[in-house]
C-alpha atoms as a PDB file:
ATOM      1  CA  MET A   1      89.417 100.116  75.813  1.00  0.00           C
ATOM      2  CA  ASP A   2      87.716  96.778  75.210  1.00  0.00           C
ATOM      3  CA  LEU A   3      90.099  94.185  76.645  1.00  0.00           C
ATOM      4  CA  GLY A   4      88.455  91.415  74.643  1.00  0.00           C
ATOM      5  CA  ILE A   5      88.202  88.964  77.542  1.00  0.00           C
ATOM      6  CA  ALA A   6      84.513  89.178  78.451  1.00  0.00           C
ATOM      7  CA  GLY A   7      83.274  85.686  79.203  1.00  0.00           C
ATOM      8  CA  LYS A   8      86.706  84.310  80.027  1.00  0.00           C
ATOM      9  CA  ASN A   9      87.297  82.455  83.289  1.00  0.00           C
ATOM     10  CA  ALA A  10      89.940  83.545  85.773  1.00  0.00           C
ATOM     11  CA  ILE A  11      91.459  82.310  88.993  1.00  0.00           C
ATOM     12  CA  VAL A  12      92.818  85.073  91.220  1.00  0.00           C
ATOM     13  CA  CYS A  13      94.741  83.968  94.298  1.00  0.00           C
ATOM     14  CA  ALA A  14      94.944  85.882  97.589  1.00  0.00           C
ATOM     15  CA  ALA A  15      92.150  88.088  96.287  1.00  0.00           C
ATOM     16  CA  SER A  16      90.334  89.104  99.452  1.00  0.00           C
ATOM     17  CA  LYS A  17      92.317  92.346  99.785  1.00  0.00           C
ATOM     18  CA  GLY A  18      95.327  94.234  98.536  1.00  0.00           C
ATOM     19  CA  LEU A  19      96.842  93.628  95.126  1.00  0.00           C
ATOM     20  CA  GLY A  20      94.899  90.428  94.516  1.00  0.00           C
ATOM     21  CA  LYS A  21      91.638  92.255  95.120  1.00  0.00           C
ATOM     22  CA  GLY A  22      92.711  95.026  92.740  1.00  0.00           C
ATOM     23  CA  CYS A  23      93.331  92.446  90.019  1.00  0.00           C
ATOM     24  CA  ALA A  24      90.025  90.676  90.646  1.00  0.00           C
ATOM     25  CA  VAL A  25      88.041  93.917  90.446  1.00  0.00           C
ATOM     26  CA  ALA A  26      89.718  94.983  87.209  1.00  0.00           C
ATOM     27  CA  LEU A  27      89.110  91.617  85.572  1.00  0.00           C
ATOM     28  CA  ALA A  28      85.478  91.634  86.698  1.00  0.00           C
ATOM     29  CA  ARG A  29      85.000  95.046  85.104  1.00  0.00           C
ATOM     30  CA  ALA A  30      86.316  93.541  81.866  1.00  0.00           C
ATOM     31  CA  GLY A  31      83.544  90.927  81.965  1.00  0.00           C
ATOM     32  CA  VAL A  32      85.580  88.018  83.301  1.00  0.00           C
ATOM     33  CA  THR A  33      83.988  85.286  85.433  1.00  0.00           C
ATOM     34  CA  LEU A  34      86.003  84.907  88.628  1.00  0.00           C
ATOM     35  CA  VAL A  35      87.059  82.275  91.086  1.00  0.00           C
ATOM     36  CA  ILE A  36      88.777  84.096  93.921  1.00  0.00           C
ATOM     37  CA  ALA A  37      90.646  82.421  96.741  1.00  0.00           C
ATOM     38  CA  ALA A  38      92.004  83.459 100.115  1.00  0.00           C
ATOM     39  CA  ARG A  39      92.451  82.011 103.594  1.00  0.00           C
ATOM     40  CA  GLY A  40      90.147  84.411 105.438  1.00  0.00           C
ATOM     41  CA  GLU A  41      86.492  83.639 104.769  1.00  0.00           C
ATOM     42  CA  ASP A  42      84.940  86.865 106.061  1.00  0.00           C
ATOM     43  CA  ALA A  43      87.171  89.187 104.033  1.00  0.00           C
ATOM     44  CA  LEU A  44      86.849  86.971 100.965  1.00  0.00           C
ATOM     45  CA  GLU A  45      83.052  86.980 101.069  1.00  0.00           C
ATOM     46  CA  ARG A  46      82.969  90.760 101.571  1.00  0.00           C
ATOM     47  CA  THR A  47      85.182  91.231  98.542  1.00  0.00           C
ATOM     48  CA  ALA A  48      83.040  88.885  96.452  1.00  0.00           C
ATOM     49  CA  ARG A  49      79.892  90.811  97.387  1.00  0.00           C
ATOM     50  CA  ASP A  50      81.553  94.117  96.574  1.00  0.00           C
ATOM     51  CA  ILE A  51      82.662  92.852  93.166  1.00  0.00           C
ATOM     52  CA  ARG A  52      79.248  91.403  92.325  1.00  0.00           C
ATOM     53  CA  ASP A  53      77.481  94.596  93.416  1.00  0.00           C
ATOM     54  CA  SER A  54      79.813  96.976  91.568  1.00  0.00           C
ATOM     55  CA  THR A  55      80.371  95.027  88.353  1.00  0.00           C
ATOM     56  CA  GLY A  56      77.638  92.423  88.026  1.00  0.00           C
ATOM     57  CA  ALA A  57      80.307  89.775  87.511  1.00  0.00           C
ATOM     58  CA  ARG A  58      79.873  86.155  88.472  1.00  0.00           C
ATOM     59  CA  VAL A  59      82.195  85.449  91.416  1.00  0.00           C
ATOM     60  CA  THR A  60      82.831  82.137  93.154  1.00  0.00           C
ATOM     61  CA  THR A  61      84.786  82.082  96.410  1.00  0.00           C
ATOM     62  CA  VAL A  62      87.110  79.361  97.654  1.00  0.00           C
ATOM     63  CA  VAL A  63      88.489  79.518 101.177  1.00  0.00           C
ATOM     64  CA  ALA A  64      91.887  77.945 100.710  1.00  0.00           C
ATOM     65  CA  ASP A  65      95.580  78.295 101.365  1.00  0.00           C
ATOM     66  CA  VAL A  66      96.910  78.159  97.815  1.00  0.00           C
ATOM     67  CA  THR A  67     100.429  77.457  99.062  1.00  0.00           C
ATOM     68  CA  THR A  68      99.270  73.906  99.868  1.00  0.00           C
ATOM     69  CA  PRO A  69      98.333  71.101  97.467  1.00  0.00           C
ATOM     70  CA  GLU A  70      94.943  70.781  99.179  1.00  0.00           C
ATOM     71  CA  GLY A  71      94.220  74.460  98.686  1.00  0.00           C
ATOM     72  CA  ARG A  72      95.151  74.382  95.020  1.00  0.00           C
ATOM     73  CA  ASN A  73      92.983  71.309  94.518  1.00  0.00           C
ATOM     74  CA  ARG A  74      89.966  73.121  95.986  1.00  0.00           C
ATOM     75  CA  VAL A  75      90.477  76.105  93.723  1.00  0.00           C
ATOM     76  CA  LEU A  76      90.889  74.004  90.600  1.00  0.00           C
ATOM     77  CA  ALA A  77      87.819  71.947  91.475  1.00  0.00           C
ATOM     78  CA  GLU A  78      85.803  75.166  91.059  1.00  0.00           C
ATOM     79  CA  CYS A  79      87.630  76.257  87.890  1.00  0.00           C
ATOM     80  CA  PRO A  80      89.407  73.320  86.238  1.00  0.00           C
ATOM     81  CA  ALA A  81      89.938  75.104  82.907  1.00  0.00           C
ATOM     82  CA  PRO A  82      90.784  78.761  83.538  1.00  0.00           C
ATOM     83  CA  ASP A  83      91.737  81.116  80.742  1.00  0.00           C
ATOM     84  CA  ILE A  84      93.517  83.443  83.156  1.00  0.00           C
ATOM     85  CA  LEU A  85      95.560  82.675  86.262  1.00  0.00           C
ATOM     86  CA  VAL A  86      96.792  85.337  88.660  1.00  0.00           C
ATOM     87  CA  ASN A  87      99.262  83.824  91.099  1.00  0.00           C
ATOM     88  CA  ASN A  88      99.620  85.659  94.367  1.00  0.00           C
ATOM     89  CA  ALA A  89     100.558  84.866  97.955  1.00  0.00           C
ATOM     90  CA  GLY A  90     101.623  86.908 100.921  1.00  0.00           C
ATOM     91  CA  GLY A  91     105.310  87.608 101.167  1.00  0.00           C
ATOM     92  CA  PRO A  92     107.461  86.174 103.947  1.00  0.00           C
ATOM     93  CA  PRO A  93     108.347  88.385 106.904  1.00  0.00           C
ATOM     94  CA  PRO A  94     111.372  90.658 106.980  1.00  0.00           C
ATOM     95  CA  GLY A  95     114.333  89.862 109.173  1.00  0.00           C
ATOM     96  CA  ASP A  96     117.995  88.927 109.462  1.00  0.00           C
ATOM     97  CA  PHE A  97     119.097  85.833 107.559  1.00  0.00           C
ATOM     98  CA  ARG A  98     121.016  84.680 110.633  1.00  0.00           C
ATOM     99  CA  ASP A  99     117.691  84.100 112.357  1.00  0.00           C
ATOM    100  CA  TRP A 100     116.123  81.980 109.608  1.00  0.00           C
ATOM    101  CA  ASN A 101     116.261  78.216 109.654  1.00  0.00           C
ATOM    102  CA  ARG A 102     115.528  75.643 106.993  1.00  0.00           C
ATOM    103  CA  ASP A 103     111.801  75.626 107.780  1.00  0.00           C
ATOM    104  CA  ASP A 104     111.647  79.391 107.209  1.00  0.00           C
ATOM    105  CA  TRP A 105     113.237  78.983 103.784  1.00  0.00           C
ATOM    106  CA  ILE A 106     110.996  76.078 102.813  1.00  0.00           C
ATOM    107  CA  LYS A 107     107.899  78.039 103.812  1.00  0.00           C
ATOM    108  CA  ALA A 108     109.023  81.000 101.691  1.00  0.00           C
ATOM    109  CA  LEU A 109     109.797  78.767  98.724  1.00  0.00           C
ATOM    110  CA  ASP A 110     106.468  76.939  99.041  1.00  0.00           C
ATOM    111  CA  ALA A 111     104.496  80.185  99.025  1.00  0.00           C
ATOM    112  CA  ASN A 112     106.391  82.338  96.553  1.00  0.00           C
ATOM    113  CA  MET A 113     108.008  79.896  94.133  1.00  0.00           C
ATOM    114  CA  ILE A 114     106.652  76.355  94.276  1.00  0.00           C
ATOM    115  CA  ALA A 115     102.944  77.214  94.640  1.00  0.00           C
ATOM    116  CA  PRO A 116     102.773  79.365  91.489  1.00  0.00           C
ATOM    117  CA  ILE A 117     104.815  76.813  89.549  1.00  0.00           C
ATOM    118  CA  GLU A 118     102.449  74.032  90.631  1.00  0.00           C
ATOM    119  CA  PHE A 119      99.427  76.102  89.586  1.00  0.00           C
ATOM    120  CA  ILE A 120     101.025  76.775  86.214  1.00  0.00           C
ATOM    121  CA  LYS A 121     101.753  73.070  85.752  1.00  0.00           C
ATOM    122  CA  ARG A 122      98.126  72.186  86.425  1.00  0.00           C
ATOM    123  CA  VAL A 123      96.634  74.616  83.882  1.00  0.00           C
ATOM    124  CA  VAL A 124      99.199  75.248  81.162  1.00  0.00           C
ATOM    125  CA  ASP A 125      98.447  72.320  78.855  1.00  0.00           C
ATOM    126  CA  GLY A 126      94.778  73.256  78.722  1.00  0.00           C
ATOM    127  CA  LEU A 127      95.693  76.832  77.854  1.00  0.00           C
ATOM    128  CA  ILE A 128      97.938  75.607  75.055  1.00  0.00           C
ATOM    129  CA  ASP A 129      95.197  73.332  73.698  1.00  0.00           C
ATOM    130  CA  ARG A 130      92.666  76.191  73.706  1.00  0.00           C
ATOM    131  CA  ARG A 131      95.165  78.597  72.110  1.00  0.00           C
ATOM    132  CA  PHE A 132      94.611  81.305  74.685  1.00  0.00           C
ATOM    133  CA  GLY A 133      96.038  81.798  78.129  1.00  0.00           C
ATOM    134  CA  ARG A 134      97.284  84.560  80.368  1.00  0.00           C
ATOM    135  CA  ILE A 135      99.285  83.892  83.521  1.00  0.00           C
ATOM    136  CA  VAL A 136     100.380  86.758  85.742  1.00  0.00           C
ATOM    137  CA  ASN A 137     102.553  86.229  88.790  1.00  0.00           C
ATOM    138  CA  ILE A 138     102.561  88.941  91.433  1.00  0.00           C
ATOM    139  CA  THR A 139     106.118  89.047  92.744  1.00  0.00           C
ATOM    140  CA  SER A 140     108.053  92.077  94.026  1.00  0.00           C
ATOM    141  CA  SER A 141     110.260  94.940  92.912  1.00  0.00           C
ATOM    142  CA  ALA A 142     112.865  93.313  95.173  1.00  0.00           C
ATOM    143  CA  VAL A 143     113.505  90.870  92.318  1.00  0.00           C
ATOM    144  CA  LYS A 144     115.207  93.734  90.463  1.00  0.00           C
ATOM    145  CA  ALA A 145     116.473  95.687  93.468  1.00  0.00           C
ATOM    146  CA  PRO A 146     116.862  93.326  96.449  1.00  0.00           C
ATOM    147  CA  ILE A 147     115.917  94.681  99.860  1.00  0.00           C
ATOM    148  CA  ASP A 148     118.308  93.489 102.551  1.00  0.00           C
ATOM    149  CA  VAL A 149     115.688  92.685 105.195  1.00  0.00           C
ATOM    150  CA  LEU A 150     113.544  90.762 102.689  1.00  0.00           C
ATOM    151  CA  GLY A 151     116.012  87.979 101.976  1.00  0.00           C
ATOM    152  CA  LEU A 152     113.395  85.241 102.074  1.00  0.00           C
ATOM    153  CA  SER A 153     111.327  87.061  99.491  1.00  0.00           C
ATOM    154  CA  ASN A 154     114.358  87.992  97.391  1.00  0.00           C
ATOM    155  CA  GLY A 155     115.434  84.374  97.156  1.00  0.00           C
ATOM    156  CA  ALA A 156     112.074  82.680  96.586  1.00  0.00           C
ATOM    157  CA  ARG A 157     110.727  85.182  94.068  1.00  0.00           C
ATOM    158  CA  SER A 158     113.977  85.235  92.117  1.00  0.00           C
ATOM    159  CA  GLY A 159     113.676  81.479  91.710  1.00  0.00           C
ATOM    160  CA  LEU A 160     110.190  81.904  90.214  1.00  0.00           C
ATOM    161  CA  THR A 161     111.514  84.643  87.929  1.00  0.00           C
ATOM    162  CA  GLY A 162     114.161  82.329  86.502  1.00  0.00           C
ATOM    163  CA  PHE A 163     111.645  79.552  85.929  1.00  0.00           C
ATOM    164  CA  VAL A 164     109.187  81.850  84.152  1.00  0.00           C
ATOM    165  CA  ALA A 165     111.910  83.245  81.899  1.00  0.00           C
ATOM    166  CA  GLY A 166     112.401  79.814  80.351  1.00  0.00           C
ATOM    167  CA  LEU A 167     108.860  78.442  80.260  1.00  0.00           C
ATOM    168  CA  SER A 168     107.194  81.596  78.950  1.00  0.00           C
ATOM    169  CA  ARG A 169     109.207  81.464  75.746  1.00  0.00           C
ATOM    170  CA  GLN A 170     108.412  77.811  75.145  1.00  0.00           C
ATOM    171  CA  ILE A 171     104.650  78.367  75.099  1.00  0.00           C
ATOM    172  CA  ALA A 172     104.250  81.855  73.617  1.00  0.00           C
ATOM    173  CA  GLY A 173     103.581  80.424  70.153  1.00  0.00           C
ATOM    174  CA  ALA A 174     100.311  78.985  71.460  1.00  0.00           C
ATOM    175  CA  ASN A 175      99.075  82.475  72.460  1.00  0.00           C
ATOM    176  CA  VAL A 176      99.800  81.695  76.106  1.00  0.00           C
ATOM    177  CA  THR A 177     101.762  84.299  77.997  1.00  0.00           C
ATOM    178  CA  ILE A 178     103.394  84.360  81.408  1.00  0.00           C
ATOM    179  CA  ASN A 179     104.575  87.621  82.918  1.00  0.00           C
ATOM    180  CA  ASN A 180     105.496  88.897  86.348  1.00  0.00           C
ATOM    181  CA  LEU A 181     104.206  92.074  87.944  1.00  0.00           C
ATOM    182  CA  LEU A 182     106.684  93.644  90.357  1.00  0.00           C
ATOM    183  CA  PRO A 183     104.995  95.998  92.823  1.00  0.00           C
ATOM    184  CA  GLY A 184     107.037  98.559  94.653  1.00  0.00           C
ATOM    185  CA  THR A 185     105.601 100.503  97.560  1.00  0.00           C
ATOM    186  CA  MET A 186     101.851  99.989  97.403  1.00  0.00           C
ATOM    187  CA  ASP A 187      99.092 101.181  99.697  1.00  0.00           C
ATOM    188  CA  THR A 188      98.362  97.771 101.226  1.00  0.00           C
ATOM    189  CA  ASP A 189      98.699  95.951 104.525  1.00  0.00           C
ATOM    190  CA  ARG A 190     102.200  94.932 103.427  1.00  0.00           C
ATOM    191  CA  LEU A 191     103.338  98.560 103.690  1.00  0.00           C
ATOM    192  CA  THR A 192     101.922  98.797 107.205  1.00  0.00           C
ATOM    193  CA  ALA A 193     103.691  95.589 108.237  1.00  0.00           C
ATOM    194  CA  PHE A 194     106.970  96.869 106.791  1.00  0.00           C
ATOM    195  CA  ALA A 195     106.630 100.136 108.694  1.00  0.00           C
ATOM    196  CA  GLU A 196     105.862  98.374 111.970  1.00  0.00           C
ATOM    197  CA  ALA A 197     108.857  96.059 111.574  1.00  0.00           C
ATOM    198  CA  ALA A 198     111.117  99.008 110.768  1.00  0.00           C
ATOM    199  CA  SER A 199     109.737 100.867 113.763  1.00  0.00           C
ATOM    200  CA  ARG A 200     110.712  98.023 116.074  1.00  0.00           C
ATOM    201  CA  ARG A 201     114.252  98.011 114.659  1.00  0.00           C
ATOM    202  CA  THR A 202     114.840 101.750 114.567  1.00  0.00           C
ATOM    203  CA  GLY A 203     112.528 103.305 117.111  1.00  0.00           C
ATOM    204  CA  MET A 204     110.957 105.556 114.446  1.00  0.00           C
ATOM    205  CA  ALA A 205     107.197 105.943 114.464  1.00  0.00           C
ATOM    206  CA  PRO A 206     105.534 103.811 111.726  1.00  0.00           C
ATOM    207  CA  ALA A 207     104.070 106.943 110.107  1.00  0.00           C
ATOM    208  CA  ASP A 208     107.557 108.447 109.889  1.00  0.00           C
ATOM    209  CA  VAL A 209     108.909 105.237 108.364  1.00  0.00           C
ATOM    210  CA  ILE A 210     106.252 105.402 105.652  1.00  0.00           C
ATOM    211  CA  ALA A 211     106.830 109.115 105.034  1.00  0.00           C
ATOM    212  CA  GLN A 212     110.545 108.522 104.654  1.00  0.00           C
ATOM    213  CA  ARG A 213     109.936 105.698 102.212  1.00  0.00           C
ATOM    214  CA  LEU A 214     107.499 107.718 100.110  1.00  0.00           C
ATOM    215  CA  ALA A 215     109.928 110.625  99.979  1.00  0.00           C
ATOM    216  CA  GLY A 216     112.389 108.380  98.144  1.00  0.00           C
ATOM    217  CA  ILE A 217     109.907 107.541  95.372  1.00  0.00           C
ATOM    218  CA  PRO A 218     109.915 109.927  92.402  1.00  0.00           C
ATOM    219  CA  ALA A 219     106.096 109.808  92.290  1.00  0.00           C
ATOM    220  CA  LYS A 220     106.070 110.832  95.989  1.00  0.00           C
ATOM    221  CA  ARG A 221     103.313 108.400  96.895  1.00  0.00           C
ATOM    222  CA  ALA A 222     102.416 104.765  97.206  1.00  0.00           C
ATOM    223  CA  GLY A 223     100.708 102.951  94.360  1.00  0.00           C
ATOM    224  CA  THR A 224      97.049 101.973  94.540  1.00  0.00           C
ATOM    225  CA  ILE A 225      95.476  98.587  94.110  1.00  0.00           C
ATOM    226  CA  GLU A 226      93.298 100.061  91.341  1.00  0.00           C
ATOM    227  CA  GLU A 227      96.367 101.029  89.304  1.00  0.00           C
ATOM    228  CA  PHE A 228      97.883  97.639  89.856  1.00  0.00           C
ATOM    229  CA  GLY A 229      94.688  95.844  88.885  1.00  0.00           C
ATOM    230  CA  ALA A 230      94.378  97.808  85.639  1.00  0.00           C
ATOM    231  CA  TYR A 231      97.928  96.855  84.695  1.00  0.00           C
ATOM    232  CA  CYS A 232      97.164  93.186  85.408  1.00  0.00           C
ATOM    233  CA  ALA A 233      93.947  93.275  83.382  1.00  0.00           C
ATOM    234  CA  PHE A 234      95.781  94.668  80.363  1.00  0.00           C
ATOM    235  CA  LEU A 235      98.359  91.872  80.524  1.00  0.00           C
ATOM    236  CA  CYS A 236      95.472  89.393  80.631  1.00  0.00           C
ATOM    237  CA  SER A 237      93.725  90.969  77.663  1.00  0.00           C
ATOM    238  CA  VAL A 238      93.811  90.103  73.982  1.00  0.00           C
ATOM    239  CA  HIS A 239      96.156  93.081  73.594  1.00  0.00           C
ATOM    240  CA  GLY A 240      98.797  91.492  75.831  1.00  0.00           C
ATOM    241  CA  GLY A 241      99.753  88.599  73.591  1.00  0.00           C
ATOM    242  CA  PHE A 242     103.082  90.086  72.512  1.00  0.00           C
ATOM    243  CA  ILE A 243     104.298  90.686  76.080  1.00  0.00           C
ATOM    244  CA  VAL A 244     106.166  87.509  77.005  1.00  0.00           C
ATOM    245  CA  GLY A 245     108.312  86.616  79.993  1.00  0.00           C
ATOM    246  CA  GLN A 246     108.639  90.153  81.271  1.00  0.00           C
ATOM    247  CA  ASN A 247     109.194  91.543  84.760  1.00  0.00           C
ATOM    248  CA  LEU A 248     107.125  94.703  84.803  1.00  0.00           C
ATOM    249  CA  LEU A 249     107.746  97.229  87.548  1.00  0.00           C
ATOM    250  CA  ILE A 250     104.972  99.250  89.151  1.00  0.00           C
ATOM    251  CA  ASP A 251     107.005 101.322  91.565  1.00  0.00           C
ATOM    252  CA  GLY A 252     106.531 105.028  90.873  1.00  0.00           C
ATOM    253  CA  GLY A 253     110.041 105.299  89.429  1.00  0.00           C
ATOM    254  CA  ALA A 254     111.820 103.992  92.539  1.00  0.00           C
ATOM    255  CA  PHE A 255     114.094 101.634  90.606  1.00  0.00           C
ATOM    256  CA  PRO A 256     116.854 103.877  89.254  1.00  0.00           C
ATOM    257  CA  GLY A 257     118.107 101.711  86.385  1.00  0.00           C
ATOM    258  CA  ALA A 258     117.533 102.235  82.686  1.00  0.00           C
ATOM    259  CA  LEU A 259     116.757  98.556  82.065  1.00  0.00           C
END
């Protein structure tokens, strides 16, 4: 399928690995020019080389922490007028809410709510003026089915979800969409970190923690970054203009609800 976005410009945050990398690769294959950002320079440059070699896409790297104003400024200096924005940042650590202080909450809110909102604020008027824009926020399936040990993530990402629900409907008439992608159990470093944390709490081996988790997914496996990236690229395409303000699960059927 021709996604109709060849020649468009995209910013993809936290794109050196994992879900962000999957999105960057899929957009590059659709002919999009990329600015990819991450904190780790070595991994970011490796990913950029891989994308250039495999797709021929033009890729610019920005070593930056996008949860900070300085980091966002560096990214936007390289791509001040993006057509596509993929917001992404690592999730806060699991734990017991009794152990979290105000600084822990502020850090979670900065990364998983305020940073994407600030990025949106910086680019949205240009998207409206140009009559095309696609914004995708990578959040979590925990927005729909909260996970008790991920309270920081549950709270911060739910705040972003509420904000997007209102704004997305204000700007849809300008052919600018905002949607959220909600990954479930994906084959990324996040799954490994979850398993190691659970192992410390329970004494189970990390491999057994993962096996137990996968057994509870109807698809009986973790999702791949390639699947996730393809889903993101479709939302960013010309065919995604009628999908507005949605929270779209990619979880192998783990969420049991009908809605």
